[in-house]
Amino acid sequence: MNATPAIADDLIVIGKIYSVHGVRGEVKVYSFTDPTENLLQYKTWTLKREGNVKQVELVSGRGNDKFLVAKLKGLDDREEARLLAGYEICVPRNLFPELTDGAYSWYQLAGLKVIDQLGQLLGKI
């Protein structure tokens, strides 16, 4: 794991590490992608939590019905893996696939107003 990640001004959160899995340093991941396994296509992650930023490399990953399990390079200890709980998983926006006209990613909708057909404001995304 690198303590000083490459600078990326345009990071998008695609998941979050929330726990450890097993005794060999694997982590449980909640994916914000659809399908959830798409998160595993990104081999370099920038992790962010409370001002701490680090870059890690995905070695392998697998999914089950409820969460993903990821193995990160250089992370072989359960207690060290536990320290990553709560980190958001980010990737640069330029790694996202091109979308067709009229299609949007969820991050592009954040902050937009939701208005019903009568013109009434329902809230913000």
Protein backbone atom coordinates (compact mmCIF):
# COMPACT_ATOMS: atom_id res chain seq x y z
CA MET A 1 0.00 0.00 0.00
CA ASN A 2 1.24 3.46 -0.86
CA ALA A 3 0.88 6.14 1.80
CA THR A 4 1.16 8.92 -0.79
CA PRO A 5 -1.28 8.33 -3.64
CA ALA A 6 -1.08 9.91 -7.04
CA ILE A 7 -2.95 13.21 -6.99
CA ALA A 8 -6.41 12.91 -8.57
CA ASP A 9 -8.66 15.96 -8.39
CA ASP A 10 -11.67 14.23 -9.84
CA LEU A 11 -12.29 11.14 -7.69
CA ILE A 12 -15.64 9.34 -7.60
CA VAL A 13 -16.65 7.16 -4.63
CA ILE A 14 -17.60 3.69 -5.87
CA GLY A 15 -17.67 1.74 -2.60
CA LYS A 16 -16.66 1.51 1.03
CA ILE A 17 -14.61 -0.91 3.10
CA TYR A 18 -16.63 -1.85 6.15
CA SER A 19 -15.01 -4.86 7.80
CA VAL A 20 -12.43 -7.65 7.60
CA HIS A 21 -12.94 -11.11 6.15
CA GLY A 22 -11.01 -14.09 7.48
CA VAL A 23 -7.50 -14.01 8.93
CA ARG A 24 -5.39 -13.27 5.83
CA GLY A 25 -6.06 -9.55 5.52
CA GLU A 26 -9.01 -9.57 3.15
CA VAL A 27 -11.61 -6.82 3.51
CA LYS A 28 -15.38 -6.75 3.10
CA VAL A 29 -16.55 -4.10 0.67
CA TYR A 30 -19.92 -2.51 0.05
CA SER A 31 -20.10 -1.63 -3.66
CA PHE A 32 -21.98 1.37 -5.05
CA THR A 33 -21.68 0.04 -8.62
CA ASP A 34 -24.31 -1.84 -10.58
CA PRO A 35 -23.76 -4.70 -10.83
CA THR A 36 -21.81 -4.77 -7.58
CA GLU A 37 -18.93 -6.77 -9.08
CA ASN A 38 -18.08 -3.87 -11.43
CA LEU A 39 -16.09 -2.36 -8.56
CA LEU A 40 -13.58 -5.20 -9.00
CA GLN A 41 -12.74 -4.00 -12.54
CA TYR A 42 -10.77 -1.09 -11.07
CA LYS A 43 -7.34 -2.40 -10.02
CA THR A 44 -6.05 0.77 -8.32
CA TRP A 45 -8.15 2.37 -5.59
CA THR A 46 -7.68 5.63 -3.77
CA LEU A 47 -8.93 5.22 -0.20
CA LYS A 48 -10.23 8.27 1.69
CA ARG A 49 -11.39 8.71 5.28
CA GLU A 50 -11.41 11.84 7.45
CA GLY A 51 -8.62 13.56 5.52
CA ASN A 52 -6.47 10.41 5.26
CA VAL A 53 -5.77 9.33 1.68
CA LYS A 54 -3.86 6.29 0.46
CA GLN A 55 -3.59 4.35 -2.75
CA VAL A 56 -3.91 0.55 -2.86
CA GLU A 57 -3.77 -2.12 -5.52
CA LEU A 58 -6.48 -4.78 -5.85
CA VAL A 59 -4.98 -8.27 -6.17
CA SER A 60 -8.23 -10.22 -6.33
CA GLY A 61 -11.86 -10.04 -5.38
CA ARG A 62 -15.03 -12.01 -5.32
CA GLY A 63 -18.67 -11.44 -4.56
CA ASN A 64 -21.45 -13.18 -2.77
CA ASP A 65 -25.09 -12.29 -2.18
CA LYS A 66 -24.43 -9.52 0.34
CA PHE A 67 -20.94 -8.05 -0.14
CA LEU A 68 -17.62 -8.24 -1.98
CA VAL A 69 -14.39 -9.61 -0.55
CA ALA A 70 -11.17 -7.95 -1.72
CA LYS A 71 -7.51 -8.86 -1.34
CA LEU A 72 -5.19 -5.83 -1.46
CA LYS A 73 -1.49 -5.97 -2.31
CA GLY A 74 0.73 -6.00 0.78
CA LEU A 75 -2.18 -6.48 3.18
CA ASP A 76 -1.80 -9.92 4.82
CA ASP A 77 -2.83 -9.32 8.42
CA ARG A 78 -6.36 -9.22 9.84
CA GLU A 79 -5.58 -6.47 12.35
CA GLU A 80 -3.96 -4.28 9.69
CA ALA A 81 -6.98 -4.85 7.43
CA ARG A 82 -9.30 -3.82 10.27
CA LEU A 83 -7.70 -0.35 10.18
CA LEU A 84 -9.14 0.18 6.68
CA ALA A 85 -12.77 -0.11 7.85
CA GLY A 86 -14.64 3.08 7.03
CA TYR A 87 -12.44 4.10 4.09
CA GLU A 88 -14.28 5.13 0.92
CA ILE A 89 -13.06 3.51 -2.31
CA CYS A 90 -12.50 6.10 -5.05
CA VAL A 91 -11.38 6.03 -8.66
CA PRO A 92 -10.69 8.85 -11.13
CA ARG A 93 -13.71 9.89 -13.18
CA ASN A 94 -11.76 9.42 -16.43
CA LEU A 95 -11.74 5.62 -15.84
CA PHE A 96 -15.54 5.43 -16.11
CA PRO A 97 -16.91 4.02 -19.37
CA GLU A 98 -18.39 6.35 -21.99
CA LEU A 99 -22.17 6.69 -21.69
CA THR A 100 -24.67 6.86 -24.49
CA ASP A 101 -26.70 10.04 -25.07
CA GLY A 102 -29.37 10.43 -22.41
CA ALA A 103 -27.61 8.11 -19.93
CA TYR A 104 -26.17 9.42 -16.66
CA SER A 105 -24.08 8.09 -13.80
CA TRP A 106 -25.43 8.61 -10.28
CA TYR A 107 -22.61 11.03 -9.37
CA GLN A 108 -23.77 13.35 -12.18
CA LEU A 109 -27.22 13.61 -10.58
CA ALA A 110 -26.09 14.47 -7.04
CA GLY A 111 -27.21 17.96 -6.04
CA LEU A 112 -29.89 18.29 -8.74
CA LYS A 113 -33.41 19.43 -7.84
CA VAL A 114 -36.29 16.98 -8.19
CA ILE A 115 -39.43 18.64 -9.56
CA ASP A 116 -42.73 16.87 -10.21
CA GLN A 117 -44.87 17.32 -13.33
CA LEU A 118 -46.76 20.17 -11.64
CA GLY A 119 -43.52 22.10 -11.15
CA GLN A 120 -43.36 21.53 -7.38
CA LEU A 121 -39.97 21.04 -5.78
CA LEU A 122 -39.78 17.62 -4.13
CA GLY A 123 -36.19 17.94 -2.89
CA LYS A 124 -32.59 17.44 -3.95
CA ILE A 125 -30.72 14.31 -4.88
